[in-house]
mmCIF file of all heavy atoms, coordinates in Angstrom:
data_MODEL
# 
_entry.id   MODEL 
# 
loop_
_atom_site.group_PDB 
_atom_site.id 
_atom_site.type_symbol 
_atom_site.label_atom_id 
_atom_site.label_alt_id 
_atom_site.label_comp_id 
_atom_site.label_asym_id 
_atom_site.label_entity_id 
_atom_site.label_seq_id 
_atom_site.pdbx_PDB_ins_code 
_atom_site.Cartn_x 
_atom_site.Cartn_y 
_atom_site.Cartn_z 
_atom_site.occupancy 
_atom_site.B_iso_or_equiv 
_atom_site.pdbx_formal_charge 
_atom_site.auth_seq_id 
_atom_site.auth_comp_id 
_atom_site.auth_asym_id 
_atom_site.auth_atom_id 
_atom_site.pdbx_PDB_model_num 
ATOM 1   N N   . ILE A 1 1  ? -17.213 57.451 9.158  1.00 0.00 ? 1  ILE A N   1 
ATOM 2   C CA  . ILE A 1 1  ? -17.728 56.268 8.466  1.00 0.00 ? 1  ILE A CA  1 
ATOM 3   C C   . ILE A 1 1  ? -19.222 56.134 8.688  1.00 0.00 ? 1  ILE A C   1 
ATOM 4   O O   . ILE A 1 1  ? -19.985 55.840 7.757  1.00 0.00 ? 1  ILE A O   1 
ATOM 5   C CB  . ILE A 1 1  ? -16.973 55.002 8.918  1.00 0.00 ? 1  ILE A CB  1 
ATOM 6   C CG1 . ILE A 1 1  ? -15.554 55.015 8.361  1.00 0.00 ? 1  ILE A CG1 1 
ATOM 7   C CG2 . ILE A 1 1  ? -17.723 53.750 8.544  1.00 0.00 ? 1  ILE A CG2 1 
ATOM 8   C CD1 . ILE A 1 1  ? -14.640 53.985 8.980  1.00 0.00 ? 1  ILE A CD1 1 
ATOM 9   N N   . PHE A 1 2  ? -19.673 56.360 9.879  1.00 0.00 ? 2  PHE A N   1 
ATOM 10  C CA  . PHE A 1 2  ? -21.091 56.245 10.178 1.00 0.00 ? 2  PHE A CA  1 
ATOM 11  C C   . PHE A 1 2  ? -21.904 57.251 9.359  1.00 0.00 ? 2  PHE A C   1 
ATOM 12  O O   . PHE A 1 2  ? -22.922 56.901 8.781  1.00 0.00 ? 2  PHE A O   1 
ATOM 13  C CB  . PHE A 1 2  ? -21.359 56.468 11.674 1.00 0.00 ? 2  PHE A CB  1 
ATOM 14  C CG  . PHE A 1 2  ? -22.783 56.276 12.084 1.00 0.00 ? 2  PHE A CG  1 
ATOM 15  C CD1 . PHE A 1 2  ? -23.274 55.003 12.294 1.00 0.00 ? 2  PHE A CD1 1 
ATOM 16  C CD2 . PHE A 1 2  ? -23.610 57.344 12.243 1.00 0.00 ? 2  PHE A CD2 1 
ATOM 17  C CE1 . PHE A 1 2  ? -24.610 54.814 12.679 1.00 0.00 ? 2  PHE A CE1 1 
ATOM 18  C CE2 . PHE A 1 2  ? -24.934 57.192 12.620 1.00 0.00 ? 2  PHE A CE2 1 
ATOM 19  C CZ  . PHE A 1 2  ? -25.434 55.916 12.830 1.00 0.00 ? 2  PHE A CZ  1 
ATOM 20  N N   . LEU A 1 3  ? -21.411 58.475 9.283  1.00 0.00 ? 3  LEU A N   1 
ATOM 21  C CA  . LEU A 1 3  ? -22.137 59.493 8.528  1.00 0.00 ? 3  LEU A CA  1 
ATOM 22  C C   . LEU A 1 3  ? -22.079 59.238 7.011  1.00 0.00 ? 3  LEU A C   1 
ATOM 23  O O   . LEU A 1 3  ? -23.051 59.435 6.306  1.00 0.00 ? 3  LEU A O   1 
ATOM 24  C CB  . LEU A 1 3  ? -21.553 60.883 8.830  1.00 0.00 ? 3  LEU A CB  1 
ATOM 25  C CG  . LEU A 1 3  ? -21.822 61.386 10.243 1.00 0.00 ? 3  LEU A CG  1 
ATOM 26  C CD1 . LEU A 1 3  ? -21.103 62.722 10.488 1.00 0.00 ? 3  LEU A CD1 1 
ATOM 27  C CD2 . LEU A 1 3  ? -23.321 61.539 10.496 1.00 0.00 ? 3  LEU A CD2 1 
ATOM 28  N N   . GLU A 1 4  ? -20.928 58.796 6.530  1.00 0.00 ? 4  GLU A N   1 
ATOM 29  C CA  . GLU A 1 4  ? -20.763 58.570 5.090  1.00 0.00 ? 4  GLU A CA  1 
ATOM 30  C C   . GLU A 1 4  ? -21.524 57.347 4.606  1.00 0.00 ? 4  GLU A C   1 
ATOM 31  O O   . GLU A 1 4  ? -21.834 57.238 3.424  1.00 0.00 ? 4  GLU A O   1 
ATOM 32  C CB  . GLU A 1 4  ? -19.286 58.410 4.744  1.00 0.00 ? 4  GLU A CB  1 
ATOM 33  C CG  . GLU A 1 4  ? -18.478 59.657 4.927  1.00 0.00 ? 4  GLU A CG  1 
ATOM 34  C CD  . GLU A 1 4  ? -16.969 59.387 4.899  1.00 0.00 ? 4  GLU A CD  1 
ATOM 35  O OE1 . GLU A 1 4  ? -16.539 58.227 4.664  1.00 0.00 ? 4  GLU A OE1 1 
ATOM 36  O OE2 . GLU A 1 4  ? -16.205 60.341 5.127  1.00 0.00 ? 4  GLU A OE2 1 
ATOM 37  N N   . GLY A 1 5  ? -21.813 56.437 5.505  1.00 0.00 ? 5  GLY A N   1 
ATOM 38  C CA  . GLY A 1 5  ? -22.459 55.172 5.119  1.00 0.00 ? 5  GLY A CA  1 
ATOM 39  C C   . GLY A 1 5  ? -23.840 55.345 4.522  1.00 0.00 ? 5  GLY A C   1 
ATOM 40  O O   . GLY A 1 5  ? -24.274 54.508 3.723  1.00 0.00 ? 5  GLY A O   1 
ATOM 41  N N   . GLY A 1 6  ? -24.528 56.402 4.866  1.00 0.00 ? 6  GLY A N   1 
ATOM 42  C CA  . GLY A 1 6  ? -25.828 56.694 4.285  1.00 0.00 ? 6  GLY A CA  1 
ATOM 43  C C   . GLY A 1 6  ? -27.021 55.987 4.938  1.00 0.00 ? 6  GLY A C   1 
ATOM 44  O O   . GLY A 1 6  ? -28.152 56.250 4.549  1.00 0.00 ? 6  GLY A O   1 
ATOM 45  N N   . ALA A 1 7  ? -26.768 55.139 5.890  1.00 0.00 ? 7  ALA A N   1 
ATOM 46  C CA  . ALA A 1 7  ? -27.879 54.396 6.502  1.00 0.00 ? 7  ALA A CA  1 
ATOM 47  C C   . ALA A 1 7  ? -28.820 55.345 7.261  1.00 0.00 ? 7  ALA A C   1 
ATOM 48  O O   . ALA A 1 7  ? -30.040 55.144 7.258  1.00 0.00 ? 7  ALA A O   1 
ATOM 49  C CB  . ALA A 1 7  ? -27.345 53.319 7.456  1.00 0.00 ? 7  ALA A CB  1 
ATOM 50  N N   . TYR A 1 8  ? -28.244 56.343 7.881  1.00 0.00 ? 8  TYR A N   1 
ATOM 51  C CA  . TYR A 1 8  ? -29.064 57.268 8.666  1.00 0.00 ? 8  TYR A CA  1 
ATOM 52  C C   . TYR A 1 8  ? -30.112 57.982 7.794  1.00 0.00 ? 8  TYR A C   1 
ATOM 53  O O   . TYR A 1 8  ? -31.292 58.079 8.148  1.00 0.00 ? 8  TYR A O   1 
ATOM 54  C CB  . TYR A 1 8  ? -28.185 58.290 9.386  1.00 0.00 ? 8  TYR A CB  1 
ATOM 55  C CG  . TYR A 1 8  ? -28.817 58.965 10.551 1.00 0.00 ? 8  TYR A CG  1 
ATOM 56  C CD1 . TYR A 1 8  ? -28.965 58.289 11.744 1.00 0.00 ? 8  TYR A CD1 1 
ATOM 57  C CD2 . TYR A 1 8  ? -29.310 60.240 10.438 1.00 0.00 ? 8  TYR A CD2 1 
ATOM 58  C CE1 . TYR A 1 8  ? -29.578 58.893 12.830 1.00 0.00 ? 8  TYR A CE1 1 
ATOM 59  C CE2 . TYR A 1 8  ? -29.944 60.864 11.530 1.00 0.00 ? 8  TYR A CE2 1 
ATOM 60  C CZ  . TYR A 1 8  ? -30.054 60.178 12.716 1.00 0.00 ? 8  TYR A CZ  1 
ATOM 61  O OH  . TYR A 1 8  ? -30.677 60.764 13.765 1.00 0.00 ? 8  TYR A OH  1 
ATOM 62  N N   . GLU A 1 9  ? -29.672 58.445 6.623  1.00 0.00 ? 9  GLU A N   1 
ATOM 63  C CA  . GLU A 1 9  ? -30.612 59.116 5.700  1.00 0.00 ? 9  GLU A CA  1 
ATOM 64  C C   . GLU A 1 9  ? -31.644 58.146 5.135  1.00 0.00 ? 9  GLU A C   1 
ATOM 65  O O   . GLU A 1 9  ? -32.818 58.487 5.008  1.00 0.00 ? 9  GLU A O   1 
ATOM 66  C CB  . GLU A 1 9  ? -29.845 59.776 4.568  1.00 0.00 ? 9  GLU A CB  1 
ATOM 67  C CG  . GLU A 1 9  ? -28.972 60.934 4.984  1.00 0.00 ? 9  GLU A CG  1 
ATOM 68  C CD  . GLU A 1 9  ? -27.612 60.501 5.504  1.00 0.00 ? 9  GLU A CD  1 
ATOM 69  O OE1 . GLU A 1 9  ? -27.307 59.295 5.550  1.00 0.00 ? 9  GLU A OE1 1 
ATOM 70  O OE2 . GLU A 1 9  ? -26.827 61.391 5.880  1.00 0.00 ? 9  GLU A OE2 1 
ATOM 71  N N   . LEU A 1 10 ? -31.203 56.948 4.789  1.00 0.00 ? 10 LEU A N   1 
ATOM 72  C CA  . LEU A 1 10 ? -32.092 55.951 4.223  1.00 0.00 ? 10 LEU A CA  1 
ATOM 73  C C   . LEU A 1 10 ? -33.165 55.539 5.243  1.00 0.00 ? 10 LEU A C   1 
ATOM 74  O O   . LEU A 1 10 ? -34.250 55.120 4.883  1.00 0.00 ? 10 LEU A O   1 
ATOM 75  C CB  . LEU A 1 10 ? -31.324 54.735 3.730  1.00 0.00 ? 10 LEU A CB  1 
ATOM 76  C CG  . LEU A 1 10 ? -30.521 54.967 2.460  1.00 0.00 ? 10 LEU A CG  1 
ATOM 77  C CD1 . LEU A 1 10 ? -29.599 53.796 2.194  1.00 0.00 ? 10 LEU A CD1 1 
ATOM 78  C CD2 . LEU A 1 10 ? -31.433 55.209 1.277  1.00 0.00 ? 10 LEU A CD2 1 
ATOM 79  N N   . ARG A 1 11 ? -32.827 55.647 6.531  1.00 0.00 ? 11 ARG A N   1 
ATOM 80  C CA  . ARG A 1 11 ? -33.778 55.274 7.573  1.00 0.00 ? 11 ARG A CA  1 
ATOM 81  C C   . ARG A 1 11 ? -35.064 56.098 7.449  1.00 0.00 ? 11 ARG A C   1 
ATOM 82  O O   . ARG A 1 11 ? -36.163 55.600 7.683  1.00 0.00 ? 11 ARG A O   1 
ATOM 83  C CB  . ARG A 1 11 ? -33.160 55.447 8.944  1.00 0.00 ? 11 ARG A CB  1 
ATOM 84  C CG  . ARG A 1 11 ? -34.070 55.084 10.071 1.00 0.00 ? 11 ARG A CG  1 
ATOM 85  C CD  . ARG A 1 11 ? -33.383 55.340 11.419 1.00 0.00 ? 11 ARG A CD  1 
ATOM 86  N NE  . ARG A 1 11 ? -34.343 55.724 12.373 1.00 0.00 ? 11 ARG A NE  1 
ATOM 87  C CZ  . ARG A 1 11 ? -34.664 56.970 12.697 1.00 0.00 ? 11 ARG A CZ  1 
ATOM 88  N NH1 . ARG A 1 11 ? -34.037 57.973 12.162 1.00 0.00 ? 11 ARG A NH1 1 
ATOM 89  N NH2 . ARG A 1 11 ? -35.572 57.240 13.606 1.00 0.00 ? 11 ARG A NH2 1 
ATOM 90  N N   . TYR A 1 12 ? -34.933 57.366 7.085  1.00 0.00 ? 12 TYR A N   1 
ATOM 91  C CA  . TYR A 1 12 ? -36.116 58.196 6.952  1.00 0.00 ? 12 TYR A CA  1 
ATOM 92  C C   . TYR A 1 12 ? -36.965 57.760 5.749  1.00 0.00 ? 12 TYR A C   1 
ATOM 93  O O   . TYR A 1 12 ? -38.186 57.796 5.808  1.00 0.00 ? 12 TYR A O   1 
ATOM 94  C CB  . TYR A 1 12 ? -35.733 59.670 6.815  1.00 0.00 ? 12 TYR A CB  1 
ATOM 95  C CG  . TYR A 1 12 ? -35.184 60.229 8.119  1.00 0.00 ? 12 TYR A CG  1 
ATOM 96  C CD1 . TYR A 1 12 ? -33.851 60.524 8.282  1.00 0.00 ? 12 TYR A CD1 1 
ATOM 97  C CD2 . TYR A 1 12 ? -36.042 60.421 9.199  1.00 0.00 ? 12 TYR A CD2 1 
ATOM 98  C CE1 . TYR A 1 12 ? -33.360 61.001 9.464  1.00 0.00 ? 12 TYR A CE1 1 
ATOM 99  C CE2 . TYR A 1 12 ? -35.569 60.884 10.403 1.00 0.00 ? 12 TYR A CE2 1 
ATOM 100 C CZ  . TYR A 1 12 ? -34.208 61.194 10.536 1.00 0.00 ? 12 TYR A CZ  1 
ATOM 101 O OH  . TYR A 1 12 ? -33.749 61.649 11.723 1.00 0.00 ? 12 TYR A OH  1 
ATOM 102 N N   . GLN A 1 13 ? -36.327 57.341 4.688  1.00 0.00 ? 13 GLN A N   1 
ATOM 103 C CA  . GLN A 1 13 ? -37.076 56.808 3.556  1.00 0.00 ? 13 GLN A CA  1 
ATOM 104 C C   . GLN A 1 13 ? -37.775 55.527 3.960  1.00 0.00 ? 13 GLN A C   1 
ATOM 105 O O   . GLN A 1 13 ? -38.905 55.261 3.534  1.00 0.00 ? 13 GLN A O   1 
ATOM 106 C CB  . GLN A 1 13 ? -36.149 56.545 2.374  1.00 0.00 ? 13 GLN A CB  1 
ATOM 107 C CG  . GLN A 1 13 ? -35.628 57.816 1.718  1.00 0.00 ? 13 GLN A CG  1 
ATOM 108 C CD  . GLN A 1 13 ? -34.754 57.517 0.532  1.00 0.00 ? 13 GLN A CD  1 
ATOM 109 O OE1 . GLN A 1 13 ? -35.019 56.591 -0.216 1.00 0.00 ? 13 GLN A OE1 1 
ATOM 110 N NE2 . GLN A 1 13 ? -33.697 58.285 0.365  1.00 0.00 ? 13 GLN A NE2 1 
ATOM 111 N N   . MET A 1 14 ? -37.081 54.728 4.760  1.00 0.00 ? 14 MET A N   1 
ATOM 112 C CA  . MET A 1 14 ? -37.700 53.472 5.258  1.00 0.00 ? 14 MET A CA  1 
ATOM 113 C C   . MET A 1 14 ? -38.963 53.814 6.044  1.00 0.00 ? 14 MET A C   1 
ATOM 114 O O   . MET A 1 14 ? -39.988 53.157 5.898  1.00 0.00 ? 14 MET A O   1 
ATOM 115 C CB  . MET A 1 14 ? -36.704 52.700 6.139  1.00 0.00 ? 14 MET A CB  1 
ATOM 116 C CG  . MET A 1 14 ? -35.527 52.150 5.407  1.00 0.00 ? 14 MET A CG  1 
ATOM 117 S SD  . MET A 1 14 ? -35.944 50.792 4.327  1.00 0.00 ? 14 MET A SD  1 
ATOM 118 C CE  . MET A 1 14 ? -36.317 49.543 5.531  1.00 0.00 ? 14 MET A CE  1 
ATOM 119 N N   . ALA A 1 15 ? -38.888 54.834 6.896  1.00 0.00 ? 15 ALA A N   1 
ATOM 120 C CA  . ALA A 1 15 ? -40.028 55.185 7.727  1.00 0.00 ? 15 ALA A CA  1 
ATOM 121 C C   . ALA A 1 15 ? -41.255 55.608 6.887  1.00 0.00 ? 15 ALA A C   1 
ATOM 122 O O   . ALA A 1 15 ? -42.385 55.378 7.290  1.00 0.00 ? 15 ALA A O   1 
ATOM 123 C CB  . ALA A 1 15 ? -39.648 56.313 8.676  1.00 0.00 ? 15 ALA A CB  1 
ATOM 124 N N   . LEU A 1 16 ? -40.991 56.141 5.710  1.00 0.00 ? 16 LEU A N   1 
ATOM 125 C CA  . LEU A 1 16 ? -42.081 56.596 4.848  1.00 0.00 ? 16 LEU A CA  1 
ATOM 126 C C   . LEU A 1 16 ? -42.611 55.494 3.927  1.00 0.00 ? 16 LEU A C   1 
ATOM 127 O O   . LEU A 1 16 ? -43.757 55.499 3.535  1.00 0.00 ? 16 LEU A O   1 
ATOM 128 C CB  . LEU A 1 16 ? -41.623 57.772 3.979  1.00 0.00 ? 16 LEU A CB  1 
ATOM 129 C CG  . LEU A 1 16 ? -41.290 59.045 4.710  1.00 0.00 ? 16 LEU A CG  1 
ATOM 130 C CD1 . LEU A 1 16 ? -40.677 60.065 3.750  1.00 0.00 ? 16 LEU A CD1 1 
ATOM 131 C CD2 . LEU A 1 16 ? -42.535 59.619 5.389  1.00 0.00 ? 16 LEU A CD2 1 
ATOM 132 N N   . THR A 1 17 ? -41.757 54.535 3.572  1.00 0.00 ? 17 THR A N   1 
ATOM 133 C CA  . THR A 1 17 ? -42.088 53.573 2.530  1.00 0.00 ? 17 THR A CA  1 
ATOM 134 C C   . THR A 1 17 ? -42.392 52.167 3.059  1.00 0.00 ? 17 THR A C   1 
ATOM 135 O O   . THR A 1 17 ? -43.268 51.494 2.520  1.00 0.00 ? 17 THR A O   1 
ATOM 136 C CB  . THR A 1 17 ? -40.929 53.508 1.537  1.00 0.00 ? 17 THR A CB  1 
ATOM 137 O OG1 . THR A 1 17 ? -40.653 54.810 1.064  1.00 0.00 ? 17 THR A OG1 1 
ATOM 138 C CG2 . THR A 1 17 ? -41.255 52.611 0.362  1.00 0.00 ? 17 THR A CG2 1 
ATOM 139 N N   . ALA A 1 18 ? -41.669 51.749 4.051  1.00 0.00 ? 18 ALA A N   1 
ATOM 140 C CA  . ALA A 1 18 ? -41.749 50.346 4.495  1.00 0.00 ? 18 ALA A CA  1 
ATOM 141 C C   . ALA A 1 18 ? -42.955 50.112 5.393  1.00 0.00 ? 18 ALA A C   1 
ATOM 142 O O   . ALA A 1 18 ? -43.566 51.028 5.916  1.00 0.00 ? 18 ALA A O   1 
ATOM 143 C CB  . ALA A 1 18 ? -40.473 49.985 5.257  1.00 0.00 ? 18 ALA A CB  1 
ATOM 144 N N   . THR A 1 19 ? -43.277 48.842 5.566  1.00 0.00 ? 19 THR A N   1 
ATOM 145 C CA  . THR A 1 19 ? -44.345 48.448 6.483  1.00 0.00 ? 19 THR A CA  1 
ATOM 146 C C   . THR A 1 19 ? -43.848 48.617 7.914  1.00 0.00 ? 19 THR A C   1 
ATOM 147 O O   . THR A 1 19 ? -42.648 48.663 8.169  1.00 0.00 ? 19 THR A O   1 
ATOM 148 C CB  . THR A 1 19 ? -44.761 46.998 6.232  1.00 0.00 ? 19 THR A CB  1 
ATOM 149 O OG1 . THR A 1 19 ? -43.603 46.166 6.416  1.00 0.00 ? 19 THR A OG1 1 
ATOM 150 C CG2 . THR A 1 19 ? -45.325 46.800 4.819  1.00 0.00 ? 19 THR A CG2 1 
ATOM 151 N N   . ALA A 1 20 ? -44.780 48.670 8.858  1.00 0.00 ? 20 ALA A N   1 
ATOM 152 C CA  . ALA A 1 20 ? -44.422 48.902 10.243 1.00 0.00 ? 20 ALA A CA  1 
ATOM 153 C C   . ALA A 1 20 ? -43.416 47.889 10.825 1.00 0.00 ? 20 ALA A C   1 
ATOM 154 O O   . ALA A 1 20 ? -42.464 48.295 11.485 1.00 0.00 ? 20 ALA A O   1 
ATOM 155 C CB  . ALA A 1 20 ? -45.707 48.937 11.119 1.00 0.00 ? 20 ALA A CB  1 
ATOM 156 N N   . PRO A 1 21 ? -43.567 46.579 10.579 1.00 0.00 ? 21 PRO A N   1 
ATOM 157 C CA  . PRO A 1 21 ? -42.575 45.649 11.118 1.00 0.00 ? 21 PRO A CA  1 
ATOM 158 C C   . PRO A 1 21 ? -41.162 45.886 10.556 1.00 0.00 ? 21 PRO A C   1 
ATOM 159 O O   . PRO A 1 21 ? -40.172 45.764 11.260 1.00 0.00 ? 21 PRO A O   1 
ATOM 160 C CB  . PRO A 1 21 ? -43.111 44.258 10.700 1.00 0.00 ? 21 PRO A CB  1 
ATOM 161 C CG  . PRO A 1 21 ? -44.544 44.442 10.426 1.00 0.00 ? 21 PRO A CG  1 
ATOM 162 C CD  . PRO A 1 21 ? -44.690 45.873 9.952  1.00 0.00 ? 21 PRO A CD  1 
ATOM 163 N N   . VAL A 1 22 ? -41.095 46.215 9.262  1.00 0.00 ? 22 VAL A N   1 
ATOM 164 C CA  . VAL A 1 22 ? -39.794 46.476 8.645  1.00 0.00 ? 22 VAL A CA  1 
ATOM 165 C C   . VAL A 1 22 ? -39.184 47.763 9.231  1.00 0.00 ? 22 VAL A C   1 
ATOM 166 O O   . VAL A 1 22 ? -37.984 47.805 9.515  1.00 0.00 ? 22 VAL A O   1 
ATOM 167 C CB  . VAL A 1 22 ? -39.906 46.540 7.104  1.00 0.00 ? 22 VAL A CB  1 
ATOM 168 C CG1 . VAL A 1 22 ? -38.579 46.999 6.471  1.00 0.00 ? 22 VAL A CG1 1 
ATOM 169 C CG2 . VAL A 1 22 ? -40.338 45.201 6.554  1.00 0.00 ? 22 VAL A CG2 1 
ATOM 170 N N   . VAL A 1 23 ? -39.994 48.794 9.434  1.00 0.00 ? 23 VAL A N   1 
ATOM 171 C CA  . VAL A 1 23 ? -39.496 50.036 10.015 1.00 0.00 ? 23 VAL A CA  1 
ATOM 172 C C   . VAL A 1 23 ? -38.954 49.755 11.420 1.00 0.00 ? 23 VAL A C   1 
ATOM 173 O O   . VAL A 1 23 ? -37.876 50.252 11.790 1.00 0.00 ? 23 VAL A O   1 
ATOM 174 C CB  . VAL A 1 23 ? -40.605 51.094 10.065 1.00 0.00 ? 23 VAL A CB  1 
ATOM 175 C CG1 . VAL A 1 23 ? -40.170 52.314 10.887 1.00 0.00 ? 23 VAL A CG1 1 
ATOM 176 C CG2 . VAL A 1 23 ? -40.987 51.521 8.653  1.00 0.00 ? 23 VAL A CG2 1 
ATOM 177 N N   . GLU A 1 24 ? -39.677 48.954 12.197 1.00 0.00 ? 24 GLU A N   1 
ATOM 178 C CA  . GLU A 1 24 ? -39.228 48.638 13.549 1.00 0.00 ? 24 GLU A CA  1 
ATOM 179 C C   . GLU A 1 24 ? -37.856 47.939 13.515 1.00 0.00 ? 24 GLU A C   1 
ATOM 180 O O   . GLU A 1 24 ? -36.943 48.321 14.260 1.00 0.00 ? 24 GLU A O   1 
ATOM 181 C CB  . GLU A 1 24 ? -40.247 47.716 14.217 1.00 0.00 ? 24 GLU A CB  1 
ATOM 182 C CG  . GLU A 1 24 ? -39.901 47.321 15.628 1.00 0.00 ? 24 GLU A CG  1 
ATOM 183 C CD  . GLU A 1 24 ? -40.945 46.388 16.206 1.00 0.00 ? 24 GLU A CD  1 
ATOM 184 O OE1 . GLU A 1 24 ? -42.128 46.537 15.891 1.00 0.00 ? 24 GLU A OE1 1 
ATOM 185 O OE2 . GLU A 1 24 ? -40.561 45.525 17.004 1.00 0.00 ? 24 GLU A OE2 1 
# 
C-alpha cells in the first residue's frame, strides 16, 4: 500500500517544485 500510494514518488516532484517550507 505504501509503495502503490505514490506519495514517495511525488515527494521528489515536491522537492523540485515547492517552496522550502512546503518541502519541509
